[in-house]
Each structure stands twice: as C-alpha cells, then as structure tokens.
C-alpha cells in the first residue's frame, strides 16, 4: 500500500447540495469521462445521446471516421434538440421551432431569420465538447476542448499501460445493467475502491480473505489501482507476478469509472451523477469477440457471478440512503487499506480548490511512477 494511512471524511462531502454543484462544474465537467463504446456509433451518421452531471450531449460519427459532439441544447429557447440516439444523421433539427444544427453544433437554419437580431445569430452554435477514442471507448470532456489536456496524459502511462494489456478495443459489449440509486455519486465510486467489505457483504471464504490481505494497491496521478489475488492463486502470483492472469485488477479512473479486469472478461463500473442524492450506476460487461463456445460459456458464467455480487453492493446502498440525513452520521472513518478512497477524495478537494488533482501521491508512489 502507498503510505497514505487512515483518514476521516466529513459526511457533508456526500450530502451538501452546494458542494455537489461545485463538483459538477469544477470536477466532473473538467475531467475525461467515458460516454459509450465506439461500436455504438460505428458508422458515419451514427449518433449517441448521453445525459449526466446535469448535462446532455450528442456525439456523431463524422464521414471521415472521426467524432463530433456538442451540448444537446437549442440556442433558441433551451430545449433538447435530439431526444434519443440513432443513425443516418447529416444535421439535427429542433422540433419545437425547426432550428437546424450541423453535427458540430453550428446553427445552420433559422426559420424567419430576418425577424431576429443579425448579431445574435452570427456564428451561433451550441458549445462543443472534447472527444477522444481509446480502448474501444468514446471519452469526452464536457467543459470543452483543451480543458483537461490529452486523454492519455489524463490516464497516465502506468494506468494506460495496464489497461492496454486487456485489449478492450477487441472486446464486445455483452451486457449493460443500470440502476438508479438514492445515494451521492461518490458512494458508488468508494464501494469499488476497497476489498474490506467483501468478507461481510459478499461472504467471501476466510481463506480468500486472508489471501486478499496480500493485495497490492497504489496511486498514479489522480488514479488508483488494486490487485487482488484470484482464489488459490497467491503462490503463483508471487512467483510469476503475472497479475493480469492471476488476479482481479481494479483501476480507478478519476472521477467516475472503475475497471474490474480479469483475463476472461472486463467490467466498467461507472457512476453518473443525477443529483446530490441520486446516481445512475452502470455495470458494463465486455467479453472477447470470438466464436469459441467454451470461452463464451465461461465468460457468461463469470459475468453472472459478478452481476450477482454487484447487486449486493447496490442493495446495500439502500441502507446508506436510509441514514444519509441522520444527525448521527457525521463522518466516514477510513482504514489504511481504504487508501484509494482517501486519495480519490483528496483529488476531488484539490480540484474544487482550483488545482488539477496532481502531485498528491505519497513520495514512494511518485518515485515508483518515475522509475516505471
């Protein structure tokens, strides 16, 4: 573990509406976040509508294969332009008053244009978003181009290198499950940033819990990583260090995503904030695209197990929601093995204070990143 140590956190971090609004503008909108799989907008004219963080955006596959995206808000009277995802887009028309937009968000058609102030319409467009593709995913910065820097710089070489080993761009989306839960978005991120709950909530056998005490955790930039030995694999893992094959590897990608990677399949656990006390939680199941029936059966079996475990986490959030406003809930008390949670919240605090969330790793973690 990195020498972060135990910590405490005020409960209002999860329930203060003013803080939530600041997180939307200073943390969430300024960060790279996953929107969808590239395969969901594979062909020119395919478009995807996404909502979250109080925002609504539309992303389109351009004729040259690249991406274009903008905030899905009509600049005339503030309605949603595109109600749902689809195909065959060359332009978008707001059905309220027939204002037309190209796929870059530029206003191209205004009925009765002479009735408007010419200067108000000059160069008018809906704000664009920053877009990149990596690992078979579409990523966006909702605050716009240049705000967060290049995606690979945001991920960092350590995390990007780790995730590259799973070749997610060669995987297919096998399933996606969504829940709407009455908790703050950070509760969902916290839940997949530690293994401490597994023995009680998931009833993990004592031998596996003992092996999991040998898990490796570290932080890189804004992000974190946790390597948990597979059942009965600890000795082989120690001798080979092949964690991609012999462990479940969690990669916390600040701010809202956790990848749960295994040699058979990979999940994305993603929190999409809807309000200070409401979150859309998503579990995406990726499997390698093959006709190998033995592999497909094995991957599906593994996914059913993981899905049942995730459901237990989601069910527990009902209990979190039940006491979120209690006067007896004053703080969270994190142990040293919950260090990824502590680091995550420190990054949030730094960005709220106007920082970029970098340079918060303990000294040995920064030295390790430099060596690698």
Foldseek 3Di string as FASTA:
>chain_A
DFPPFWDKFWLVCQPVQVNLLLCLVLFQLLAKDFFWFCVQQVAAFWKFWGDFSNFIKMKGQHNVRDIAMFTQFDPPPTDGFDDGTDGDDQWTFRPPQGFIAGSNFWTDDHPPVVVDDPVVNVRDGGATWDWDDDLRTIIINNVHPPSRPDPCVLCDPVNSVVSVVLSSNQWDFPDKDKDKFQTALLLQLLVPLFCVCCCPLVVDDPVQVVQQVPWDKFADQLKIKIWRFDVPCSVVCVVPVPSQAGTFMWIGRPDFWIWTHYNLWIWIWGWGHDGSGITMTMIIIIGGDDPPPVSVVVSVVVVVVVVVSVVSVRVCSVVVSVCSPPPPRTMDIGGPRSVRSVLNVVLSVQSSVVHRRGPPGPPVSVVVSVVD
